[in-house]
């Protein structure tokens, strides 16, 4: 893979690799670090769709 691929092309490469090797799950490590002077972005509110199975937060 090249570093010049778009996000979509990278995802396609990963999917092709998984299909070729008959993989359903990949466990990977990352080397992403938050270093000094990183400019954090904040928000006031966040809405997600995370909830327990067979439950909802809406009534």
Protein backbone atom coordinates (compact mmCIF):
# COMPACT_ATOMS: atom_id res chain seq x y z
CA UNK A 1 0.00 0.00 0.00
CA UNK A 2 1.12 3.50 -0.74
CA UNK A 3 0.89 6.52 1.55
CA UNK A 4 -0.79 8.38 -1.31
CA UNK A 5 -4.05 6.43 -1.13
CA UNK A 6 -7.30 8.10 -0.15
CA UNK A 7 -9.20 6.93 2.93
CA UNK A 8 -11.62 5.07 0.68
CA UNK A 9 -8.78 3.36 -1.21
CA UNK A 10 -7.14 2.36 2.07
CA UNK A 11 -10.38 0.79 3.29
CA UNK A 12 -10.79 -1.05 0.00
CA UNK A 13 -7.24 -2.41 0.33
CA UNK A 14 -7.96 -3.66 3.84
CA UNK A 15 -11.21 -5.30 2.74
CA UNK A 16 -9.48 -6.94 -0.23
CA UNK A 17 -6.74 -8.25 2.06
CA UNK A 18 -9.28 -9.66 4.50
CA UNK A 19 -11.30 -11.32 1.76
CA UNK A 20 -8.18 -12.78 0.13
CA UNK A 21 -7.02 -14.23 3.45
CA UNK A 22 -10.54 -15.23 4.60
CA UNK A 23 -10.38 -13.06 7.71
CA UNK A 24 -13.40 -11.82 9.65
CA UNK A 25 -11.49 -9.95 12.34
CA UNK A 26 -8.15 -8.18 12.43
CA UNK A 27 -6.36 -7.21 15.64
CA UNK A 28 -3.97 -4.33 15.06
CA UNK A 29 -1.83 -1.90 17.00
CA UNK A 30 -1.52 1.78 16.38
CA UNK A 31 1.23 4.28 16.99
CA UNK A 32 -0.97 7.33 17.32
CA UNK A 33 0.07 9.54 20.21
CA UNK A 34 -1.26 12.79 21.62
CA UNK A 35 1.81 14.95 21.99
CA UNK A 36 2.33 18.29 23.71
CA UNK A 37 0.77 21.24 21.89
CA UNK A 38 -1.98 19.06 20.39
CA UNK A 39 -5.02 21.28 19.76
CA UNK A 40 -7.97 19.44 21.34
CA UNK A 41 -11.43 20.05 19.94
CA UNK A 42 -14.33 20.23 22.38
CA UNK A 43 -18.08 20.11 22.05
CA UNK A 44 -20.95 20.99 24.38
CA UNK A 45 -23.12 17.97 23.65
CA UNK A 46 -22.83 14.56 22.06
CA UNK A 47 -25.54 12.25 20.77
CA UNK A 48 -24.68 8.62 20.12
CA UNK A 49 -26.53 5.44 19.30
CA UNK A 50 -24.69 3.39 21.93
CA UNK A 51 -27.02 1.43 24.18
CA UNK A 52 -27.44 -1.97 25.72
CA UNK A 53 -28.70 -4.71 23.40
CA UNK A 54 -32.50 -4.79 23.10
CA UNK A 55 -32.88 -1.50 24.93
CA UNK A 56 -33.30 2.10 24.01
CA UNK A 57 -32.85 5.46 25.72
CA UNK A 58 -35.90 6.90 23.95
CA UNK A 59 -39.44 6.42 25.26
